Structures are given as C-alpha cells and as structure tokens.
C-alpha cells in the first residue's frame, strides 16, 4: 500500500463513521418515539365480569343492540363501561356507556387492523378518563 492509499482510506473512514453514527442516532430516536406510543396504549381499561356491570348498562346495551352478545366488558375508570362485541359479518365494535346506562359512542374496527372509527356522538355525554377501551 502506498501513502496515498492509506490517506484515502482514512478520509473514507472519517466520512463514513460520522454518517453511520448519525443514521443510528435517527433510528434510535424513532424507536424511542414508538416506545412512547406503546406506553400510551398500555393504559388500557380493565376487563370486568358481566356480573359487575350495572344492570342499567346491560339493559341499555340490549336495547341498542338487540340479539347481540357482549364478548368483553371493560371498566372505563369510575364513570362508565365499554362493551366489546361482534356484529354479523365479523364487524368488531366497542360501545361506551356511562355508569347510568347512557350511550356515549361506538367504535368500529373497519379494516380489522386495529384501525377504528368513532361513530358520530349524538349525545351530550362524554366519557373521559385516563384508561382507554380498545377493540381486541
């Protein structure tokens, strides 16, 4: 090897090493953002047994969705409940109710890839809180 080749190799190394470090830092930054998104989703509402759900909430579900069965009930903090159910043609839905049985909103899993769409909220009742009910 000649002196010119060694200098050229050092220049290449000095250029590529910072570029590789920069690319890796961008990759790690985006990974940490994904972890933050995952942490947001970790605060899911707890599953509860049907016998814990107030009868007025179950009755409200039955009136709104006659002949359908709730697969899973969720406790939406201390202010309401979510009912996960499947309508014919395998359409997954999540309906939210206040603890008094007032319907709040419905989420529909449109493409079966965890992308859901809220129904128009026709009531003045909003369930807010720190946990999130999600379509399984």
Protein backbone atom coordinates (compact mmCIF):
# COMPACT_ATOMS: atom_id res chain seq x y z
CA UNK A 1 0.00 0.00 0.00
CA UNK A 2 1.15 3.46 -0.72
CA UNK A 3 0.89 6.52 1.47
CA UNK A 4 -1.84 7.91 -0.82
CA UNK A 5 -3.98 4.80 -0.35
CA UNK A 6 -3.69 4.98 3.43
CA UNK A 7 -4.69 8.66 3.45
CA UNK A 8 -7.63 7.94 1.13
CA UNK A 9 -8.81 5.08 3.42
CA UNK A 10 -8.57 7.38 6.48
CA UNK A 11 -10.64 10.04 4.67
CA UNK A 12 -13.28 7.47 3.76
CA UNK A 13 -13.34 6.23 7.37
CA UNK A 14 -13.60 9.75 8.74
CA UNK A 15 -16.54 10.46 6.42
CA UNK A 16 -18.48 7.22 6.87
CA UNK A 17 -18.10 6.81 10.62
CA UNK A 18 -19.95 10.06 11.45
CA UNK A 19 -22.57 9.25 8.79
CA UNK A 20 -23.19 5.81 10.32
CA UNK A 21 -23.41 7.32 13.82
CA UNK A 22 -25.89 9.93 12.56
CA UNK A 23 -28.09 7.30 10.89
CA UNK A 24 -28.05 5.12 14.01
CA UNK A 25 -29.00 8.07 16.21
CA UNK A 26 -32.01 8.77 14.00
CA UNK A 27 -33.03 5.11 14.15
CA UNK A 28 -32.81 5.05 17.97
CA UNK A 29 -34.79 8.28 18.23
CA UNK A 30 -37.63 6.87 16.14
CA UNK A 31 -37.58 3.67 18.21
CA UNK A 32 -37.95 5.65 21.43
CA UNK A 33 -40.93 7.52 19.92
CA UNK A 34 -42.53 4.16 19.14
CA UNK A 35 -41.97 3.09 22.75
CA UNK A 36 -43.76 6.24 23.92
CA UNK A 37 -46.72 5.38 21.68
CA UNK A 38 -46.74 1.88 23.16
CA UNK A 39 -46.74 3.35 26.69
CA UNK A 40 -49.80 5.41 25.78
CA UNK A 41 -51.58 2.23 24.71
CA UNK A 42 -50.54 0.40 27.88
CA UNK A 43 -53.16 2.26 29.90
CA UNK A 44 -55.99 0.01 28.81
CA UNK A 45 -59.21 -0.22 30.79
CA UNK A 46 -59.52 -3.36 32.89
CA UNK A 47 -61.74 -6.23 31.82
CA UNK A 48 -64.63 -6.89 34.21
CA UNK A 49 -67.05 -9.75 34.60
CA UNK A 50 -70.59 -9.23 33.31
CA UNK A 51 -71.99 -9.60 36.84
CA UNK A 52 -70.02 -6.47 37.88
CA UNK A 53 -71.62 -4.30 35.17
CA UNK A 54 -74.74 -2.48 36.43
CA UNK A 55 -77.98 -3.90 35.08
CA UNK A 56 -78.95 -0.49 33.67
CA UNK A 57 -75.82 -0.56 31.46
CA UNK A 58 -76.53 -4.10 30.27
CA UNK A 59 -80.16 -3.16 29.57
CA UNK A 60 -79.06 -0.10 27.59
CA UNK A 61 -76.78 -2.32 25.50
CA UNK A 62 -79.63 -4.79 24.88
CA UNK A 63 -81.98 -2.01 23.74
CA UNK A 64 -79.41 -0.51 21.40
CA UNK A 65 -78.10 -3.85 20.06
CA UNK A 66 -80.95 -6.38 20.32
CA UNK A 67 -79.95 -10.02 19.89
CA UNK A 68 -76.21 -9.24 20.14
CA UNK A 69 -74.00 -10.55 22.93
CA UNK A 70 -71.14 -8.74 24.66
CA UNK A 71 -67.88 -10.64 24.32
CA UNK A 72 -65.99 -8.50 26.85
CA UNK A 73 -66.91 -5.74 29.29
CA UNK A 74 -64.38 -3.07 30.26
CA UNK A 75 -64.49 -0.66 33.21
CA UNK A 76 -63.93 2.88 31.93
CA UNK A 77 -62.43 4.36 35.10
CA UNK A 78 -65.15 5.12 37.66
CA UNK A 79 -67.53 6.73 35.18
CA UNK A 80 -68.60 4.14 32.66
CA UNK A 81 -68.29 0.86 30.82
CA UNK A 82 -67.31 -0.33 27.36
CA UNK A 83 -68.85 -3.34 25.66
CA UNK A 84 -66.84 -5.22 23.03
CA UNK A 85 -69.00 -7.24 20.65
CA UNK A 86 -69.06 -8.58 17.11
CA UNK A 87 -71.91 -7.90 14.71
CA UNK A 88 -72.75 -10.25 11.85
CA UNK A 89 -70.18 -10.27 9.04
CA UNK A 90 -67.44 -10.16 11.71
CA UNK A 91 -67.60 -6.42 12.30
CA UNK A 92 -65.91 -5.72 15.64
CA UNK A 93 -67.41 -2.90 17.71
CA UNK A 94 -66.90 -1.19 21.02
CA UNK A 95 -69.77 0.73 22.62
CA UNK A 96 -69.28 3.10 25.55
CA UNK A 97 -71.90 3.82 28.19
CA UNK A 98 -71.99 5.95 31.31
CA UNK A 99 -72.47 4.17 34.64
CA UNK A 100 -76.13 5.28 34.39
CA UNK A 101 -76.51 3.38 31.11
CA UNK A 102 -76.48 6.36 28.75
CA UNK A 103 -74.92 5.50 25.37
CA UNK A 104 -71.86 7.66 24.64
CA UNK A 105 -70.28 6.42 21.43
CA UNK A 106 -69.43 3.44 19.28
CA UNK A 107 -66.11 2.48 17.71
CA UNK A 108 -65.99 0.25 14.65
CA UNK A 109 -62.99 -1.78 13.50
CA UNK A 110 -63.23 -1.10 9.76
CA UNK A 111 -60.25 -2.97 8.38
CA UNK A 112 -59.51 -5.50 11.12
CA UNK A 113 -56.02 -4.00 11.58
CA UNK A 114 -56.73 -2.17 14.85
CA UNK A 115 -57.81 0.94 12.95
CA UNK A 116 -61.13 2.03 14.33
CA UNK A 117 -63.54 4.83 13.62
CA UNK A 118 -65.74 6.59 16.15
CA UNK A 119 -69.41 6.93 15.39
CA UNK A 120 -70.91 10.39 15.47
CA UNK A 121 -71.63 11.33 19.08
CA UNK A 122 -75.29 12.25 19.23
CA UNK A 123 -75.40 12.65 22.99
CA UNK A 124 -74.07 15.37 25.22
CA UNK A 125 -72.42 12.79 27.45
CA UNK A 126 -68.70 12.22 27.14
CA UNK A 127 -66.77 9.57 28.98
CA UNK A 128 -63.39 10.95 29.78
CA UNK A 129 -60.75 9.35 31.89
CA UNK A 130 -57.30 8.03 31.91
CA UNK A 131 -57.80 4.50 30.61
CA UNK A 132 -58.66 3.53 27.03
CA UNK A 133 -61.05 0.83 25.91
CA UNK A 134 -59.69 -0.84 22.77
CA UNK A 135 -61.06 -3.32 20.30
CA UNK A 136 -59.09 -6.53 20.88
